[in-house]
Amino acid sequence: MNDFNRKVEDASARVSQTINEAVERLEKEIPEFIKYLNDDIVPTVRTHSSKALRTASQKLAEFADYMEQQQQKPK
């Protein structure tokens, strides 16, 4: 039984060590990831969103013009 307990303790220690290493790595990489999001991703999304809104606005204006033209045609 002691052999089993020792194996469980060893496995538990290895898991704990692996988790601790992963946490340390995440603590180091998360600030870099946040900086990447803020510096690269957010501006790109804003740019593309602005372009999409302008395109949608233009298409809606064209559709409004079309609807007005259809109302003016005699039936």
N, C-alpha and C. Protein backbone atom coordinates (compact mmCIF):
# COMPACT_ATOMS: atom_id res chain seq x y z
N MET A 1 0.82 -1.19 0.00
CA MET A 1 0.00 0.00 0.00
C MET A 1 0.86 1.25 0.00
N ASN A 2 2.01 1.19 0.67
CA ASN A 2 2.90 2.35 0.69
C ASN A 2 3.40 2.68 -0.70
N ASP A 3 3.65 1.64 -1.50
CA ASP A 3 4.11 1.86 -2.87
C ASP A 3 3.04 2.60 -3.69
N PHE A 4 1.79 2.21 -3.50
CA PHE A 4 0.69 2.87 -4.19
C PHE A 4 0.59 4.34 -3.76
N ASN A 5 0.65 4.57 -2.46
CA ASN A 5 0.57 5.95 -1.95
C ASN A 5 1.71 6.81 -2.49
N ARG A 6 2.90 6.24 -2.56
CA ARG A 6 4.05 6.98 -3.08
C ARG A 6 3.84 7.32 -4.55
N LYS A 7 3.31 6.37 -5.33
CA LYS A 7 3.05 6.62 -6.75
C LYS A 7 2.00 7.72 -6.93
N VAL A 8 0.97 7.69 -6.11
CA VAL A 8 -0.07 8.72 -6.18
C VAL A 8 0.52 10.08 -5.82
N GLU A 9 1.35 10.12 -4.79
CA GLU A 9 1.99 11.38 -4.38
C GLU A 9 2.92 11.89 -5.48
N ASP A 10 3.67 10.98 -6.10
CA ASP A 10 4.56 11.38 -7.19
C ASP A 10 3.77 11.94 -8.37
N ALA A 11 2.70 11.25 -8.71
CA ALA A 11 1.87 11.72 -9.83
C ALA A 11 1.25 13.07 -9.49
N SER A 12 0.81 13.23 -8.28
CA SER A 12 0.21 14.49 -7.84
C SER A 12 1.24 15.61 -7.88
N ALA A 13 2.46 15.32 -7.49
CA ALA A 13 3.53 16.32 -7.52
C ALA A 13 3.85 16.71 -8.95
N ARG A 14 3.89 15.74 -9.86
CA ARG A 14 4.16 16.04 -11.27
C ARG A 14 3.05 16.90 -11.87
N VAL A 15 1.82 16.57 -11.55
CA VAL A 15 0.69 17.36 -12.06
C VAL A 15 0.77 18.78 -11.50
N SER A 16 1.05 18.90 -10.23
CA SER A 16 1.16 20.22 -9.61
C SER A 16 2.28 21.02 -10.25
N GLN A 17 3.41 20.38 -10.49
CA GLN A 17 4.53 21.07 -11.12
C GLN A 17 4.17 21.52 -12.54
N THR A 18 3.51 20.66 -13.29
CA THR A 18 3.10 21.01 -14.65
C THR A 18 2.13 22.19 -14.63
N ILE A 19 1.19 22.17 -13.72
CA ILE A 19 0.23 23.27 -13.60
C ILE A 19 0.95 24.55 -13.21
N ASN A 20 1.86 24.47 -12.26
CA ASN A 20 2.61 25.66 -11.84
C ASN A 20 3.42 26.24 -12.99
N GLU A 21 4.04 25.39 -13.79
CA GLU A 21 4.81 25.86 -14.95
C GLU A 21 3.90 26.53 -15.97
N ALA A 22 2.73 25.94 -16.18
CA ALA A 22 1.78 26.52 -17.13
C ALA A 22 1.29 27.88 -16.64
N VAL A 23 1.02 27.98 -15.36
CA VAL A 23 0.56 29.25 -14.79
C VAL A 23 1.65 30.31 -14.93
N GLU A 24 2.88 29.96 -14.64
CA GLU A 24 3.99 30.91 -14.77
C GLU A 24 4.11 31.39 -16.22
N ARG A 25 4.00 30.46 -17.15
CA ARG A 25 4.10 30.83 -18.57
C ARG A 25 2.95 31.74 -18.98
N LEU A 26 1.74 31.42 -18.52
CA LEU A 26 0.59 32.25 -18.84
C LEU A 26 0.74 33.65 -18.25
N GLU A 27 1.24 33.73 -17.04
CA GLU A 27 1.42 35.04 -16.41
C GLU A 27 2.40 35.90 -17.20
N LYS A 28 3.37 35.26 -17.84
CA LYS A 28 4.33 36.01 -18.66
C LYS A 28 3.74 36.37 -20.02
N GLU A 29 2.95 35.49 -20.61
CA GLU A 29 2.46 35.69 -21.97
C GLU A 29 1.18 36.49 -22.07
N ILE A 30 0.37 36.52 -21.03
CA ILE A 30 -0.89 37.25 -21.09
C ILE A 30 -0.68 38.73 -21.35
N PRO A 31 0.26 39.41 -20.67
CA PRO A 31 0.46 40.84 -21.00
C PRO A 31 0.87 41.06 -22.46
N GLU A 32 1.69 40.17 -23.01
CA GLU A 32 2.08 40.27 -24.41
C GLU A 32 0.87 40.08 -25.32
N PHE A 33 0.01 39.15 -24.97
CA PHE A 33 -1.19 38.88 -25.76
C PHE A 33 -2.14 40.08 -25.72
N ILE A 34 -2.31 40.67 -24.55
CA ILE A 34 -3.16 41.84 -24.42
C ILE A 34 -2.60 43.00 -25.24
N LYS A 35 -1.29 43.17 -25.20
CA LYS A 35 -0.66 44.23 -25.99
C LYS A 35 -0.89 43.97 -27.48
N TYR A 36 -0.76 42.75 -27.92
CA TYR A 36 -1.00 42.39 -29.32
C TYR A 36 -2.44 42.71 -29.71
N LEU A 37 -3.40 42.33 -28.85
CA LEU A 37 -4.80 42.63 -29.14
C LEU A 37 -5.01 44.14 -29.28
N ASN A 38 -4.49 44.89 -28.31
CA ASN A 38 -4.70 46.34 -28.31
C ASN A 38 -3.98 47.04 -29.45
N ASP A 39 -2.79 46.58 -29.80
CA ASP A 39 -1.99 47.27 -30.81
C ASP A 39 -2.31 46.84 -32.24
N ASP A 40 -2.71 45.60 -32.44
CA ASP A 40 -2.91 45.08 -33.80
C ASP A 40 -4.36 44.73 -34.12
N ILE A 41 -4.99 44.00 -33.27
CA ILE A 41 -6.32 43.48 -33.58
C ILE A 41 -7.38 44.56 -33.48
N VAL A 42 -7.42 45.30 -32.38
CA VAL A 42 -8.47 46.30 -32.18
C VAL A 42 -8.47 47.37 -33.28
N PRO A 43 -7.30 47.94 -33.63
CA PRO A 43 -7.34 48.93 -34.72
C PRO A 43 -7.81 48.35 -36.06
N THR A 44 -7.42 47.13 -36.34
CA THR A 44 -7.85 46.48 -37.58
C THR A 44 -9.35 46.28 -37.60
N VAL A 45 -9.89 45.80 -36.49
CA VAL A 45 -11.34 45.58 -36.40
C VAL A 45 -12.08 46.91 -36.55
N ARG A 46 -11.56 47.95 -35.90
CA ARG A 46 -12.21 49.26 -36.02
C ARG A 46 -12.18 49.75 -37.46
N THR A 47 -11.07 49.58 -38.12
CA THR A 47 -10.96 50.02 -39.52
C THR A 47 -11.95 49.27 -40.40
N HIS A 48 -11.99 47.96 -40.25
CA HIS A 48 -12.89 47.15 -41.08
C HIS A 48 -14.34 47.45 -40.74
N SER A 49 -14.63 47.68 -39.46
CA SER A 49 -15.99 48.01 -39.05
C SER A 49 -16.42 49.33 -39.65
N SER A 50 -15.53 50.31 -39.63
CA SER A 50 -15.84 51.62 -40.21
C SER A 50 -16.12 51.49 -41.70
N LYS A 51 -15.29 50.72 -42.40
CA LYS A 51 -15.50 50.51 -43.84
C LYS A 51 -16.84 49.82 -44.09
N ALA A 52 -17.15 48.83 -43.28
CA ALA A 52 -18.42 48.11 -43.44
C ALA A 52 -19.60 49.04 -43.20
N LEU A 53 -19.51 49.89 -42.19
CA LEU A 53 -20.60 50.83 -41.93
C LEU A 53 -20.76 51.82 -43.08
N ARG A 54 -19.65 52.29 -43.64
CA ARG A 54 -19.73 53.22 -44.77
C ARG A 54 -20.37 52.53 -46.00
N THR A 55 -19.98 51.30 -46.24
CA THR A 55 -20.56 50.55 -47.35
C THR A 55 -22.05 50.33 -47.13
N ALA A 56 -22.41 49.93 -45.92
CA ALA A 56 -23.82 49.71 -45.61
C ALA A 56 -24.61 51.01 -45.75
N SER A 57 -24.04 52.09 -45.30
CA SER A 57 -24.69 53.39 -45.42
C SER A 57 -24.92 53.75 -46.89
N GLN A 58 -23.92 53.53 -47.71
CA GLN A 58 -24.04 53.82 -49.14
C GLN A 58 -25.13 52.95 -49.78
N LYS A 59 -25.13 51.66 -49.45
CA LYS A 59 -26.12 50.76 -50.03
C LYS A 59 -27.53 51.13 -49.57
N LEU A 60 -27.69 51.53 -48.30
CA LEU A 60 -29.00 51.94 -47.82
C LEU A 60 -29.47 53.21 -48.52
N ALA A 61 -28.55 54.14 -48.76
CA ALA A 61 -28.91 55.37 -49.49
C ALA A 61 -29.36 55.02 -50.90
N GLU A 62 -28.65 54.11 -51.56
CA GLU A 62 -29.03 53.69 -52.92
C GLU A 62 -30.40 53.01 -52.91
N PHE A 63 -30.65 52.20 -51.89
CA PHE A 63 -31.94 51.52 -51.79
C PHE A 63 -33.06 52.52 -51.54
N ALA A 64 -32.80 53.52 -50.71
CA ALA A 64 -33.80 54.56 -50.47
C ALA A 64 -34.11 55.30 -51.75
N ASP A 65 -33.09 55.61 -52.53
CA ASP A 65 -33.30 56.27 -53.83
C ASP A 65 -34.15 55.39 -54.74
N TYR A 66 -33.85 54.11 -54.78
CA TYR A 66 -34.60 53.17 -55.61
C TYR A 66 -36.07 53.14 -55.18
N MET A 67 -36.31 53.08 -53.87
CA MET A 67 -37.69 53.04 -53.37
C MET A 67 -38.44 54.32 -53.75
N GLU A 68 -37.79 55.45 -53.65
CA GLU A 68 -38.42 56.71 -54.03
C GLU A 68 -38.74 56.73 -55.53
N GLN A 69 -37.85 56.21 -56.35
CA GLN A 69 -38.10 56.16 -57.78
C GLN A 69 -39.28 55.24 -58.11
N GLN A 70 -39.40 54.15 -57.39
CA GLN A 70 -40.49 53.21 -57.63
C GLN A 70 -41.83 53.84 -57.25
N GLN A 71 -41.85 54.65 -56.22
CA GLN A 71 -43.10 55.30 -55.80
C GLN A 71 -43.54 56.35 -56.81
N GLN A 72 -42.61 56.97 -57.49
CA GLN A 72 -42.93 58.04 -58.43
C GLN A 72 -43.41 57.52 -59.78
N LYS A 73 -43.14 56.28 -60.09
CA LYS A 73 -43.56 55.70 -61.38
C LYS A 73 -45.07 55.50 -61.36
N PRO A 74 -45.73 55.85 -62.47
CA PRO A 74 -47.18 55.60 -62.54
C PRO A 74 -47.47 54.11 -62.61
N LYS A 75 -48.53 53.73 -62.00
CA LYS A 75 -48.89 52.30 -61.96
C LYS A 75 -49.92 51.94 -62.98
